[in-house]
C-alpha atoms as a PDB file:
ATOM      1  CA  MET A   1      47.757   4.702 -33.406  1.00  0.00           C
ATOM      2  CA  LYS A   2      45.982   2.106 -31.267  1.00  0.00           C
ATOM      3  CA  ILE A   3      48.260   2.884 -28.329  1.00  0.00           C
ATOM      4  CA  SER A   4      47.548   6.591 -28.691  1.00  0.00           C
ATOM      5  CA  LYS A   5      43.812   5.926 -28.698  1.00  0.00           C
ATOM      6  CA  LEU A   6      44.156   3.740 -25.620  1.00  0.00           C
ATOM      7  CA  ILE A   7      46.096   6.450 -23.774  1.00  0.00           C
ATOM      8  CA  LEU A   8      43.499   9.028 -24.797  1.00  0.00           C
ATOM      9  CA  ALA A   9      40.688   6.775 -23.605  1.00  0.00           C
ATOM     10  CA  LEU A  10      42.405   6.150 -20.267  1.00  0.00           C
ATOM     11  CA  LEU A  11      43.040   9.869 -19.836  1.00  0.00           C
ATOM     12  CA  THR A  12      39.394  10.631 -20.630  1.00  0.00           C
ATOM     13  CA  VAL A  13      38.205   8.132 -18.026  1.00  0.00           C
ATOM     14  CA  THR A  14      40.647   9.584 -15.494  1.00  0.00           C
ATOM     15  CA  LEU A  15      39.356  13.107 -16.078  1.00  0.00           C
ATOM     16  CA  ILE A  16      35.715  11.993 -15.811  1.00  0.00           C
ATOM     17  CA  TYR A  17      36.204  10.270 -12.479  1.00  0.00           C
ATOM     18  CA  SER A  18      38.781  12.675 -11.022  1.00  0.00           C
ATOM     19  CA  CYS A  19      36.283  15.269  -9.908  1.00  0.00           C
ATOM     20  CA  SER A  20      35.365  16.804  -6.590  1.00  0.00           C
ATOM     21  CA  THR A  21      32.556  19.127  -5.499  1.00  0.00           C
ATOM     22  CA  VAL A  22      32.987  22.641  -4.099  1.00  0.00           C
ATOM     23  CA  PRO A  23      31.051  23.090  -0.829  1.00  0.00           C
ATOM     24  CA  LEU A  24      28.066  25.445  -0.949  1.00  0.00           C
ATOM     25  CA  THR A  25      28.256  26.193  -4.688  1.00  0.00           C
ATOM     26  CA  GLY A  26      28.070  22.526  -5.730  1.00  0.00           C
ATOM     27  CA  ARG A  27      30.378  23.130  -8.688  1.00  0.00           C
ATOM     28  CA  LYS A  28      32.244  20.096 -10.027  1.00  0.00           C
ATOM     29  CA  GLN A  29      35.978  20.577 -10.468  1.00  0.00           C
ATOM     30  CA  LEU A  30      38.885  18.591 -11.818  1.00  0.00           C
ATOM     31  CA  SER A  31      41.057  17.007  -9.116  1.00  0.00           C
ATOM     32  CA  LEU A  32      44.215  15.188 -10.197  1.00  0.00           C
ATOM     33  CA  VAL A  33      46.496  15.999  -7.258  1.00  0.00           C
ATOM     34  CA  ASP A  34      46.679  14.470  -3.801  1.00  0.00           C
ATOM     35  CA  ASP A  35      45.344  16.823  -1.104  1.00  0.00           C
ATOM     36  CA  SER A  36      47.431  15.444   1.740  1.00  0.00           C
ATOM     37  CA  GLN A  37      50.690  15.916  -0.118  1.00  0.00           C
ATOM     38  CA  ILE A  38      49.705  19.375  -1.363  1.00  0.00           C
ATOM     39  CA  ASN A  39      48.847  20.342   2.226  1.00  0.00           C
ATOM     40  CA  SER A  40      52.166  18.956   3.445  1.00  0.00           C
ATOM     41  CA  ALA A  41      54.048  20.914   0.790  1.00  0.00           C
ATOM     42  CA  SER A  42      52.094  24.052   1.690  1.00  0.00           C
ATOM     43  CA  ALA A  43      52.941  23.672   5.380  1.00  0.00           C
ATOM     44  CA  ALA A  44      56.638  23.353   4.548  1.00  0.00           C
ATOM     45  CA  SER A  45      56.540  26.394   2.245  1.00  0.00           C
ATOM     46  CA  TYR A  46      54.646  28.416   4.843  1.00  0.00           C
ATOM     47  CA  GLN A  47      57.237  27.649   7.504  1.00  0.00           C
ATOM     48  CA  GLN A  48      59.970  28.505   5.022  1.00  0.00           C
ATOM     49  CA  LEU A  49      58.368  31.903   4.543  1.00  0.00           C
ATOM     50  CA  LEU A  50      57.943  32.587   8.257  1.00  0.00           C
ATOM     51  CA  SER A  51      61.524  31.602   9.044  1.00  0.00           C
ATOM     52  CA  ASP A  52      63.001  33.697   6.229  1.00  0.00           C
ATOM     53  CA  PRO A  53      64.967  36.618   7.757  1.00  0.00           C
ATOM     54  CA  LYS A  54      63.436  38.907   5.137  1.00  0.00           C
ATOM     55  CA  THR A  55      59.926  38.141   6.398  1.00  0.00           C
ATOM     56  CA  LYS A  56      58.836  40.387   9.243  1.00  0.00           C
ATOM     57  CA  VAL A  57      56.205  38.384  11.139  1.00  0.00           C
ATOM     58  CA  VAL A  58      54.261  40.499  13.629  1.00  0.00           C
ATOM     59  CA  ALA A  59      54.091  38.190  16.630  1.00  0.00           C
ATOM     60  CA  SER A  60      52.298  40.440  19.120  1.00  0.00           C
ATOM     61  CA  GLY A  61      50.160  43.541  19.376  1.00  0.00           C
ATOM     62  CA  THR A  62      46.569  44.450  18.633  1.00  0.00           C
ATOM     63  CA  ASP A  63      46.714  43.846  14.877  1.00  0.00           C
ATOM     64  CA  ALA A  64      48.398  40.443  15.183  1.00  0.00           C
ATOM     65  CA  GLN A  65      45.866  39.383  17.805  1.00  0.00           C
ATOM     66  CA  LYS A  66      43.018  40.593  15.582  1.00  0.00           C
ATOM     67  CA  VAL A  67      44.256  38.483  12.651  1.00  0.00           C
ATOM     68  CA  LYS A  68      44.471  35.382  14.815  1.00  0.00           C
ATOM     69  CA  ARG A  69      41.123  35.993  16.552  1.00  0.00           C
ATOM     70  CA  ILE A  70      39.152  36.576  13.352  1.00  0.00           C
ATOM     71  CA  GLY A  71      40.962  33.711  11.674  1.00  0.00           C
ATOM     72  CA  GLN A  72      40.014  31.317  14.452  1.00  0.00           C
ATOM     73  CA  GLN A  73      36.395  32.488  14.379  1.00  0.00           C
ATOM     74  CA  LEU A  74      36.243  31.804  10.656  1.00  0.00           C
ATOM     75  CA  ALA A  75      37.954  28.438  11.058  1.00  0.00           C
ATOM     76  CA  VAL A  76      35.508  27.277  13.742  1.00  0.00           C
ATOM     77  CA  ALA A  77      32.505  28.348  11.671  1.00  0.00           C
ATOM     78  CA  ILE A  78      33.841  26.725   8.499  1.00  0.00           C
ATOM     79  CA  GLU A  79      34.743  23.466  10.244  1.00  0.00           C
ATOM     80  CA  ARG A  80      31.248  23.348  11.720  1.00  0.00           C
ATOM     81  CA  TYR A  81      29.681  23.911   8.310  1.00  0.00           C
ATOM     82  CA  LEU A  82      31.820  21.211   6.674  1.00  0.00           C
ATOM     83  CA  GLN A  83      30.950  18.772   9.445  1.00  0.00           C
ATOM     84  CA  GLN A  84      27.222  19.450   9.234  1.00  0.00           C
ATOM     85  CA  ASN A  85      27.141  19.110   5.457  1.00  0.00           C
ATOM     86  CA  GLY A  86      29.198  15.965   4.972  1.00  0.00           C
ATOM     87  CA  TYR A  87      32.428  17.543   3.725  1.00  0.00           C
ATOM     88  CA  ALA A  88      34.579  17.143   6.832  1.00  0.00           C
ATOM     89  CA  ASN A  89      36.368  14.004   5.631  1.00  0.00           C
ATOM     90  CA  GLN A  90      37.600  15.914   2.566  1.00  0.00           C
ATOM     91  CA  TYR A  91      39.651  18.385   4.597  1.00  0.00           C
ATOM     92  CA  GLN A  92      42.552  17.979   6.987  1.00  0.00           C
ATOM     93  CA  PHE A  93      43.385  21.591   7.747  1.00  0.00           C
ATOM     94  CA  SER A  94      45.932  22.673  10.325  1.00  0.00           C
ATOM     95  CA  TRP A  95      45.049  26.343  10.609  1.00  0.00           C
ATOM     96  CA  GLU A  96      47.665  29.084  11.062  1.00  0.00           C
ATOM     97  CA  PHE A  97      47.117  32.840  10.917  1.00  0.00           C
ATOM     98  CA  ASN A  98      49.980  35.312  10.775  1.00  0.00           C
ATOM     99  CA  LEU A  99      50.341  39.037  10.181  1.00  0.00           C
ATOM    100  CA  ILE A 100      53.318  40.068   8.050  1.00  0.00           C
ATOM    101  CA  GLN A 101      54.744  43.571   8.199  1.00  0.00           C
ATOM    102  CA  SER A 102      54.710  44.832   4.626  1.00  0.00           C
ATOM    103  CA  GLN A 103      53.395  47.760   2.632  1.00  0.00           C
ATOM    104  CA  GLU A 104      51.831  45.319   0.175  1.00  0.00           C
ATOM    105  CA  VAL A 105      48.045  45.389   0.004  1.00  0.00           C
ATOM    106  CA  ASN A 106      47.741  41.627   0.073  1.00  0.00           C
ATOM    107  CA  ALA A 107      46.595  38.464   1.841  1.00  0.00           C
ATOM    108  CA  TRP A 108      46.400  34.789   0.922  1.00  0.00           C
ATOM    109  CA  CYS A 109      45.608  31.308   2.205  1.00  0.00           C
ATOM    110  CA  MET A 110      47.591  28.272   1.119  1.00  0.00           C
ATOM    111  CA  PRO A 111      46.036  24.799   0.937  1.00  0.00           C
ATOM    112  CA  GLY A 112      45.673  23.348   4.414  1.00  0.00           C
ATOM    113  CA  GLY A 113      44.667  26.621   6.035  1.00  0.00           C
ATOM    114  CA  LYS A 114      47.968  28.525   6.091  1.00  0.00           C
ATOM    115  CA  VAL A 115      46.963  32.194   6.107  1.00  0.00           C
ATOM    116  CA  ALA A 116      49.050  35.352   5.778  1.00  0.00           C
ATOM    117  CA  VAL A 117      47.715  38.903   6.050  1.00  0.00           C
ATOM    118  CA  TYR A 118      49.955  41.825   5.068  1.00  0.00           C
ATOM    119  CA  SER A 119      49.826  44.909   7.248  1.00  0.00           C
ATOM    120  CA  GLY A 120      49.437  47.077   4.132  1.00  0.00           C
ATOM    121  CA  ILE A 121      45.854  45.939   3.748  1.00  0.00           C
ATOM    122  CA  LEU A 122      44.756  46.864   7.282  1.00  0.00           C
ATOM    123  CA  PRO A 123      44.171  50.595   6.577  1.00  0.00           C
ATOM    124  CA  ILE A 124      41.670  49.468   3.942  1.00  0.00           C
ATOM    125  CA  THR A 125      39.955  46.738   5.959  1.00  0.00           C
ATOM    126  CA  GLN A 126      39.575  49.275   8.828  1.00  0.00           C
ATOM    127  CA  THR A 127      37.145  47.167  10.873  1.00  0.00           C
ATOM    128  CA  ASP A 128      36.929  43.577  12.113  1.00  0.00           C
ATOM    129  CA  ALA A 129      34.224  42.951   9.515  1.00  0.00           C
ATOM    130  CA  GLY A 130      36.457  44.367   6.771  1.00  0.00           C
ATOM    131  CA  LEU A 131      39.245  42.012   7.779  1.00  0.00           C
ATOM    132  CA  ALA A 132      36.749  39.125   7.890  1.00  0.00           C
ATOM    133  CA  VAL A 133      35.842  39.935   4.274  1.00  0.00           C
ATOM    134  CA  VAL A 134      39.471  39.576   3.207  1.00  0.00           C
ATOM    135  CA  MET A 135      40.256  36.496   5.277  1.00  0.00           C
ATOM    136  CA  GLY A 136      36.961  34.819   4.396  1.00  0.00           C
ATOM    137  CA  HIS A 137      37.663  35.369   0.713  1.00  0.00           C
ATOM    138  CA  GLU A 138      41.196  33.989   0.888  1.00  0.00           C
ATOM    139  CA  ILE A 139      40.182  30.987   3.001  1.00  0.00           C
ATOM    140  CA  ALA A 140      37.425  30.327   0.472  1.00  0.00           C
ATOM    141  CA  HIS A 141      40.089  29.767  -2.197  1.00  0.00           C
ATOM    142  CA  ALA A 142      41.544  27.007  -0.012  1.00  0.00           C
ATOM    143  CA  ILE A 143      38.170  25.460   0.827  1.00  0.00           C
ATOM    144  CA  ALA A 144      37.269  25.458  -2.873  1.00  0.00           C
ATOM    145  CA  LYS A 145      40.709  23.932  -3.595  1.00  0.00           C
ATOM    146  CA  HIS A 146      41.347  26.453  -6.349  1.00  0.00           C
ATOM    147  CA  SER A 147      45.127  26.041  -6.375  1.00  0.00           C
ATOM    148  CA  ALA A 148      44.819  22.240  -6.700  1.00  0.00           C
ATOM    149  CA  GLU A 149      42.243  22.784  -9.451  1.00  0.00           C
ATOM    150  CA  ARG A 150      44.603  25.052 -11.329  1.00  0.00           C
ATOM    151  CA  MET A 151      47.407  22.517 -11.033  1.00  0.00           C
ATOM    152  CA  SER A 152      45.042  19.758 -12.230  1.00  0.00           C
ATOM    153  CA  GLN A 153      43.975  21.804 -15.231  1.00  0.00           C
ATOM    154  CA  GLU A 154      47.579  22.420 -16.223  1.00  0.00           C
ATOM    155  CA  LEU A 155      48.398  18.737 -15.891  1.00  0.00           C
ATOM    156  CA  ALA A 156      45.359  17.727 -17.928  1.00  0.00           C
ATOM    157  CA  ALA A 157      46.291  20.239 -20.631  1.00  0.00           C
ATOM    158  CA  GLN A 158      49.737  18.707 -20.859  1.00  0.00           C
ATOM    159  CA  ALA A 159      48.110  15.240 -20.798  1.00  0.00           C
ATOM    160  CA  GLY A 160      51.162  13.611 -19.283  1.00  0.00           C
ATOM    161  CA  GLY A 161      50.709  10.721 -16.897  1.00  0.00           C
ATOM    162  CA  SER A 162      54.248  11.180 -15.618  1.00  0.00           C
ATOM    163  CA  LEU A 163      53.462  14.818 -14.827  1.00  0.00           C
ATOM    164  CA  ILE A 164      50.400  13.796 -12.844  1.00  0.00           C
ATOM    165  CA  GLY A 165      52.583  11.432 -10.871  1.00  0.00           C
ATOM    166  CA  ALA A 166      55.167  14.153 -10.338  1.00  0.00           C
ATOM    167  CA  ALA A 167      52.537  16.534  -9.010  1.00  0.00           C
ATOM    168  CA  THR A 168      51.783  14.187  -6.153  1.00  0.00           C
ATOM    169  CA  ASN A 169      55.423  13.904  -5.212  1.00  0.00           C
ATOM    170  CA  ASN A 170      56.238  15.955  -2.098  1.00  0.00           C
ATOM    171  CA  LYS A 171      59.308  17.603  -3.579  1.00  0.00           C
ATOM    172  CA  ALA A 172      57.540  18.501  -6.815  1.00  0.00           C
ATOM    173  CA  SER A 173      54.496  19.737  -4.921  1.00  0.00           C
ATOM    174  CA  ALA A 174      56.642  21.981  -2.738  1.00  0.00           C
ATOM    175  CA  SER A 175      58.241  23.583  -5.785  1.00  0.00           C
ATOM    176  CA  VAL A 176      54.821  24.155  -7.349  1.00  0.00           C
ATOM    177  CA  ILE A 177      53.431  25.722  -4.167  1.00  0.00           C
ATOM    178  CA  ASN A 178      56.523  27.936  -3.885  1.00  0.00           C
ATOM    179  CA  ALA A 179      56.061  29.091  -7.447  1.00  0.00           C
ATOM    180  CA  LEU A 180      52.324  29.733  -7.078  1.00  0.00           C
ATOM    181  CA  TYR A 181      52.709  31.789  -3.921  1.00  0.00           C
ATOM    182  CA  GLY A 182      56.079  33.361  -4.645  1.00  0.00           C
ATOM    183  CA  VAL A 183      57.797  31.801  -1.604  1.00  0.00           C
ATOM    184  CA  GLY A 184      61.552  32.006  -1.991  1.00  0.00           C
ATOM    185  CA  GLY A 185      61.371  35.095  -4.139  1.00  0.00           C
ATOM    186  CA  GLN A 186      59.163  38.130  -4.404  1.00  0.00           C
ATOM    187  CA  LEU A 187      55.909  37.280  -2.665  1.00  0.00           C
ATOM    188  CA  ALA A 188      53.001  37.171  -5.069  1.00  0.00           C
ATOM    189  CA  LEU A 189      49.301  36.435  -5.096  1.00  0.00           C
ATOM    190  CA  LEU A 190      48.251  33.221  -6.786  1.00  0.00           C
ATOM    191  CA  LYS A 191      46.641  34.176 -10.077  1.00  0.00           C
ATOM    192  CA  TYR A 192      43.219  32.589  -9.896  1.00  0.00           C
ATOM    193  CA  SER A 193      40.730  32.823 -12.745  1.00  0.00           C
ATOM    194  CA  ARG A 194      37.940  35.382 -12.540  1.00  0.00           C
ATOM    195  CA  ASP A 195      35.396  32.600 -12.110  1.00  0.00           C
ATOM    196  CA  GLN A 196      37.353  31.302  -9.121  1.00  0.00           C
ATOM    197  CA  GLU A 197      37.559  34.818  -7.699  1.00  0.00           C
ATOM    198  CA  SER A 198      33.799  35.188  -7.934  1.00  0.00           C
ATOM    199  CA  GLU A 199      33.305  31.796  -6.317  1.00  0.00           C
ATOM    200  CA  ALA A 200      35.638  32.833  -3.476  1.00  0.00           C
ATOM    201  CA  ASP A 201      33.603  36.032  -3.033  1.00  0.00           C
ATOM    202  CA  ARG A 202      30.419  33.994  -2.717  1.00  0.00           C
ATOM    203  CA  LEU A 203      31.917  31.467  -0.291  1.00  0.00           C
ATOM    204  CA  GLY A 204      33.742  34.150   1.672  1.00  0.00           C
ATOM    205  CA  LEU A 205      30.550  36.106   2.304  1.00  0.00           C
ATOM    206  CA  THR A 206      28.880  33.009   3.714  1.00  0.00           C
ATOM    207  CA  PHE A 207      31.902  32.117   5.834  1.00  0.00           C
ATOM    208  CA  MET A 208      32.078  35.583   7.399  1.00  0.00           C
ATOM    209  CA  ALA A 209      28.330  35.440   8.076  1.00  0.00           C
ATOM    210  CA  MET A 210      28.762  32.067   9.800  1.00  0.00           C
ATOM    211  CA  ALA A 211      31.467  33.631  11.966  1.00  0.00           C
ATOM    212  CA  GLY A 212      29.118  36.448  13.042  1.00  0.00           C
ATOM    213  CA  TYR A 213      30.133  39.252  10.664  1.00  0.00           C
ATOM    214  CA  ASP A 214      27.548  41.115   8.587  1.00  0.00           C
ATOM    215  CA  PRO A 215      28.098  40.309   4.873  1.00  0.00           C
ATOM    216  CA  ASN A 216      26.798  43.769   3.933  1.00  0.00           C
ATOM    217  CA  GLU A 217      30.117  45.134   5.178  1.00  0.00           C
ATOM    218  CA  ALA A 218      31.734  43.519   2.122  1.00  0.00           C
ATOM    219  CA  VAL A 219      30.246  46.160  -0.173  1.00  0.00           C
ATOM    220  CA  THR A 220      31.883  49.080   1.625  1.00  0.00           C
ATOM    221  CA  PHE A 221      35.161  47.193   1.896  1.00  0.00           C
ATOM    222  CA  TRP A 222      35.301  46.525  -1.836  1.00  0.00           C
ATOM    223  CA  GLN A 223      34.372  50.129  -2.532  1.00  0.00           C
ATOM    224  CA  ARG A 224      37.364  51.193  -0.439  1.00  0.00           C
ATOM    225  CA  MET A 225      39.475  48.647  -2.300  1.00  0.00           C
ATOM    226  CA  ALA A 226      38.290  49.979  -5.651  1.00  0.00           C
ATOM    227  CA  ALA A 227      39.348  53.467  -4.602  1.00  0.00           C
ATOM    228  CA  GLN A 228      42.944  52.199  -4.404  1.00  0.00           C
ATOM    229  CA  ASN A 229      42.805  51.595  -8.147  1.00  0.00           C
ATOM    230  CA  LYS A 230      42.395  55.217  -9.161  1.00  0.00           C
ATOM    231  CA  GLY A 231      45.129  56.753 -11.279  1.00  0.00           C
ATOM    232  CA  GLY A 232      47.581  53.861 -11.302  1.00  0.00           C
ATOM    233  CA  ALA A 233      48.229  50.134 -11.237  1.00  0.00           C
ATOM    234  CA  PRO A 234      45.923  48.156  -8.947  1.00  0.00           C
ATOM    235  CA  PRO A 235      47.249  46.596  -5.731  1.00  0.00           C
ATOM    236  CA  GLU A 236      48.504  43.022  -6.093  1.00  0.00           C
ATOM    237  CA  PHE A 237      45.377  41.901  -4.283  1.00  0.00           C
ATOM    238  CA  LEU A 238      43.290  43.174  -7.221  1.00  0.00           C
ATOM    239  CA  SER A 239      45.570  42.249 -10.107  1.00  0.00           C
ATOM    240  CA  THR A 240      43.489  39.404 -11.558  1.00  0.00           C
ATOM    241  CA  HIS A 241      40.141  40.083  -9.930  1.00  0.00           C
ATOM    242  CA  PRO A 242      36.912  40.991 -11.737  1.00  0.00           C
ATOM    243  CA  ALA A 243      36.282  44.643 -12.610  1.00  0.00           C
ATOM    244  CA  ASP A 244      35.377  46.656  -9.513  1.00  0.00           C
ATOM    245  CA  ALA A 245      31.807  47.474 -10.554  1.00  0.00           C
ATOM    246  CA  THR A 246      31.173  43.874 -11.640  1.00  0.00           C
ATOM    247  CA  ARG A 247      32.514  42.447  -8.414  1.00  0.00           C
ATOM    248  CA  ILE A 248      30.526  44.804  -6.188  1.00  0.00           C
ATOM    249  CA  ASN A 249      27.344  44.104  -8.124  1.00  0.00           C
ATOM    250  CA  ASN A 250      27.912  40.344  -7.871  1.00  0.00           C
ATOM    251  CA  ILE A 251      28.557  40.638  -4.140  1.00  0.00           C
ATOM    252  CA  LYS A 252      25.261  42.489  -3.681  1.00  0.00           C
ATOM    253  CA  ASN A 253      23.570  39.547  -5.413  1.00  0.00           C
ATOM    254  CA  TYR A 254      25.361  37.017  -3.149  1.00  0.00           C
ATOM    255  CA  ILE A 255      24.475  38.792   0.108  1.00  0.00           C
ATOM    256  CA  PRO A 256      20.917  37.410   0.507  1.00  0.00           C
ATOM    257  CA  GLU A 257      22.297  33.861   0.382  1.00  0.00           C
ATOM    258  CA  ALA A 258      24.991  34.694   2.941  1.00  0.00           C
ATOM    259  CA  MET A 259      22.520  36.415   5.265  1.00  0.00           C
ATOM    260  CA  LYS A 260      20.740  33.088   5.767  1.00  0.00           C
ATOM    261  CA  HIS A 261      23.805  32.051   7.786  1.00  0.00           C
ATOM    262  CA  PHE A 262      24.289  35.306   9.676  1.00  0.00           C
ATOM    263  CA  LYS A 263      23.936  35.274  13.444  1.00  0.00           C
ATOM    264  CA  LYS A 264      25.294  38.122  15.537  1.00  0.00           C
END
């Protein structure tokens, strides 16, 4: 009994002190996994995906160039913000932006800045600003370290010290990243919580504004996205997101904050 109490006390102390802060929102989050190893595992999984013969990476053309250009604009703006606000030492991102030929309406960003945009979403983004909405949102998940937070929450729930150690092992991390993002099987969107999705909306609006894109464009984009959900199952991109009307209303409330960072 005494040993159990000691373990519980040690675990409680670990959870109290294993916290990080999300930039901009200031939210405290649980952090039990090593960022550098998660980023390394993500980079390996990302390269595995790109080199898979089944993956059709669009290496050239207007759309591929657009993805890379907007991605770089976002990256520069975000790096500048992190530097100016004392967060730079918490991130070691090696940015990559690739367009994947697929009918899926999808996009995601792995930890470490590994971004994939599926061509199926481009008819809905329509404009550069629309694409900035999507990429800003997905990058926001990585900046807010939502995948690491989810892994930490699962480890804490299982309350196993050996599991926490395993999560910081490169091989174990790679398998977790593969599972979360569907690499090695059917590609899938990481299932974030609705609170994390709303936080990514808020951060993403600010990031696109920093990169020179009008956050007001997010409303029309999400209205177009909502229209895809009529009369059938929602696109993968929307599978765990807040209800359309709720999300759009929340975004309207976030826009004034984002506009403070907007410069054409």
